[in-house]
Amino acid sequence: MLDEPTAALDARAEHRVFSGLRGLARDRAVLPITHRLANVAVADRIVVLNRGRIEQEGDFDRLSTEPGLFRELWQLQQRAPRRRGAADSAPALPTQNGRAAAAGDAVS
């Protein structure tokens, strides 16, 4: 189990960790828990939790293209942050069950 294994690392170090993990994890079960959805792109199976309950299951290709919490959060993470004043208003956060979705809602 790897709980946010790269949270304190820069992008290069994070890439090295996950590149090395692929080789070490061969023929083993690895359970990464992360808010950085790009880190689970190579997973065989992704489980998305929302408020402690399973909301979605599947592989990255399916979850990132089908409507649901994973896709909403994936799209949000892909947006580049805007400078203040760059737009009249900030983009609205996606909602889930009548509340704003947060990256903390998705656990893979």
Protein backbone atom coordinates (compact mmCIF):
# COMPACT_ATOMS: atom_id res chain seq x y z
CA MET A 1 0.00 0.00 0.00
CA LEU A 2 1.37 3.38 -1.04
CA ASP A 3 -0.47 6.31 0.52
CA GLU A 4 0.35 9.47 -1.45
CA PRO A 5 3.91 8.19 -2.11
CA THR A 6 5.02 11.22 -4.12
CA ALA A 7 3.13 14.05 -2.41
CA ALA A 8 6.32 15.87 -1.39
CA LEU A 9 8.28 15.23 -4.59
CA ASP A 10 8.84 17.41 -7.64
CA ALA A 11 7.66 16.21 -11.06
CA ARG A 12 11.00 14.64 -12.07
CA ALA A 13 11.37 12.68 -8.84
CA GLU A 14 7.74 11.61 -9.03
CA HIS A 15 8.29 10.29 -12.57
CA ARG A 16 11.35 8.30 -11.42
CA VAL A 17 9.40 6.77 -8.54
CA PHE A 18 6.50 5.61 -10.70
CA SER A 19 8.76 4.45 -13.53
CA GLY A 20 10.70 2.29 -11.09
CA LEU A 21 7.53 1.09 -9.40
CA ARG A 22 6.22 -0.42 -12.62
CA GLY A 23 9.14 -2.81 -12.75
CA LEU A 24 9.04 -3.65 -9.05
CA ALA A 25 5.28 -4.21 -9.10
CA ARG A 26 5.34 -6.75 -11.91
CA ASP A 27 3.33 -9.81 -10.82
CA ARG A 28 2.45 -8.15 -7.50
CA ALA A 29 -0.55 -6.34 -6.14
CA VAL A 30 0.14 -2.66 -5.47
CA LEU A 31 -2.42 -0.35 -3.92
CA PRO A 32 -1.51 3.30 -4.51
CA ILE A 33 -3.76 5.88 -2.85
CA THR A 34 -3.42 9.20 -4.63
CA HIS A 35 -5.14 12.42 -5.59
CA ARG A 36 -2.89 12.79 -8.64
CA LEU A 37 -4.92 10.85 -11.16
CA ALA A 38 -2.17 10.72 -13.80
CA ASN A 39 -0.28 8.41 -11.44
CA VAL A 40 -2.86 5.65 -11.87
CA ALA A 41 -2.94 5.70 -15.69
CA VAL A 42 -1.09 2.37 -15.88
CA ALA A 43 -3.20 0.63 -13.24
CA ASP A 44 -5.11 -2.49 -14.25
CA ARG A 45 -8.02 -1.48 -12.06
CA ILE A 46 -8.96 1.85 -10.48
CA VAL A 47 -11.48 2.18 -7.67
CA VAL A 48 -12.92 5.66 -7.06
CA LEU A 49 -14.21 6.35 -3.58
CA ASN A 50 -16.58 9.15 -2.65
CA ARG A 51 -17.38 9.70 1.02
CA GLY A 52 -16.05 6.24 1.85
CA ARG A 53 -18.13 4.38 -0.74
CA ILE A 54 -17.15 2.92 -4.10
CA GLU A 55 -18.52 5.20 -6.78
CA GLN A 56 -16.73 3.90 -9.89
CA GLU A 57 -14.44 1.07 -10.98
CA GLY A 58 -12.58 0.49 -14.22
CA ASP A 59 -9.38 1.23 -16.07
CA PHE A 60 -8.00 4.68 -16.79
CA ASP A 61 -9.23 4.84 -20.40
CA ARG A 62 -12.80 4.04 -19.42
CA LEU A 63 -12.97 6.22 -16.31
CA SER A 64 -11.37 9.23 -17.98
CA THR A 65 -13.86 9.19 -20.87
CA GLU A 66 -17.15 8.11 -19.29
CA PRO A 67 -19.26 10.58 -17.29
CA GLY A 68 -18.58 10.40 -13.58
CA LEU A 69 -16.52 11.73 -10.70
CA PHE A 70 -13.19 10.40 -12.02
CA ARG A 71 -13.61 12.17 -15.37
CA GLU A 72 -14.71 15.41 -13.68
CA LEU A 73 -11.65 15.39 -11.42
CA TRP A 74 -9.33 14.32 -14.27
CA GLN A 75 -10.54 17.23 -16.41
CA LEU A 76 -10.13 19.61 -13.48
CA GLN A 77 -6.54 18.44 -12.94
CA GLN A 78 -5.75 18.94 -16.63
CA ARG A 79 -6.71 22.61 -16.59
CA ALA A 80 -3.81 25.01 -16.20
CA PRO A 81 -4.25 27.42 -13.31
CA ARG A 82 -5.15 30.91 -14.47
CA ARG A 83 -3.54 34.12 -13.34
CA ARG A 84 -5.74 36.45 -11.34
CA GLY A 85 -7.57 38.77 -13.66
CA ALA A 86 -6.92 36.54 -16.68
CA ALA A 87 -10.63 35.88 -17.03
CA ASP A 88 -13.78 37.57 -15.84
CA SER A 89 -14.57 34.61 -13.61
CA ALA A 90 -12.94 31.39 -12.54
CA PRO A 91 -14.29 28.17 -14.02
CA ALA A 92 -16.95 26.54 -11.90
CA LEU A 93 -16.00 23.40 -10.05
CA PRO A 94 -17.87 20.28 -11.09
CA THR A 95 -20.55 19.18 -8.67
CA GLN A 96 -21.25 15.75 -7.29
CA ASN A 97 -24.53 15.09 -5.51
CA GLY A 98 -25.21 18.80 -5.14
CA ARG A 99 -21.83 19.74 -3.69
CA ALA A 100 -18.55 20.87 -5.18
CA ALA A 101 -16.33 17.93 -6.06
CA ALA A 102 -12.88 18.00 -4.51
CA ALA A 103 -9.73 16.13 -5.37
CA GLY A 104 -9.97 14.52 -1.95
CA ASP A 105 -13.08 12.67 -3.11
CA ALA A 106 -11.21 10.42 -5.54
CA VAL A 107 -8.98 7.68 -4.27
CA SER A 108 -7.50 5.19 -6.63
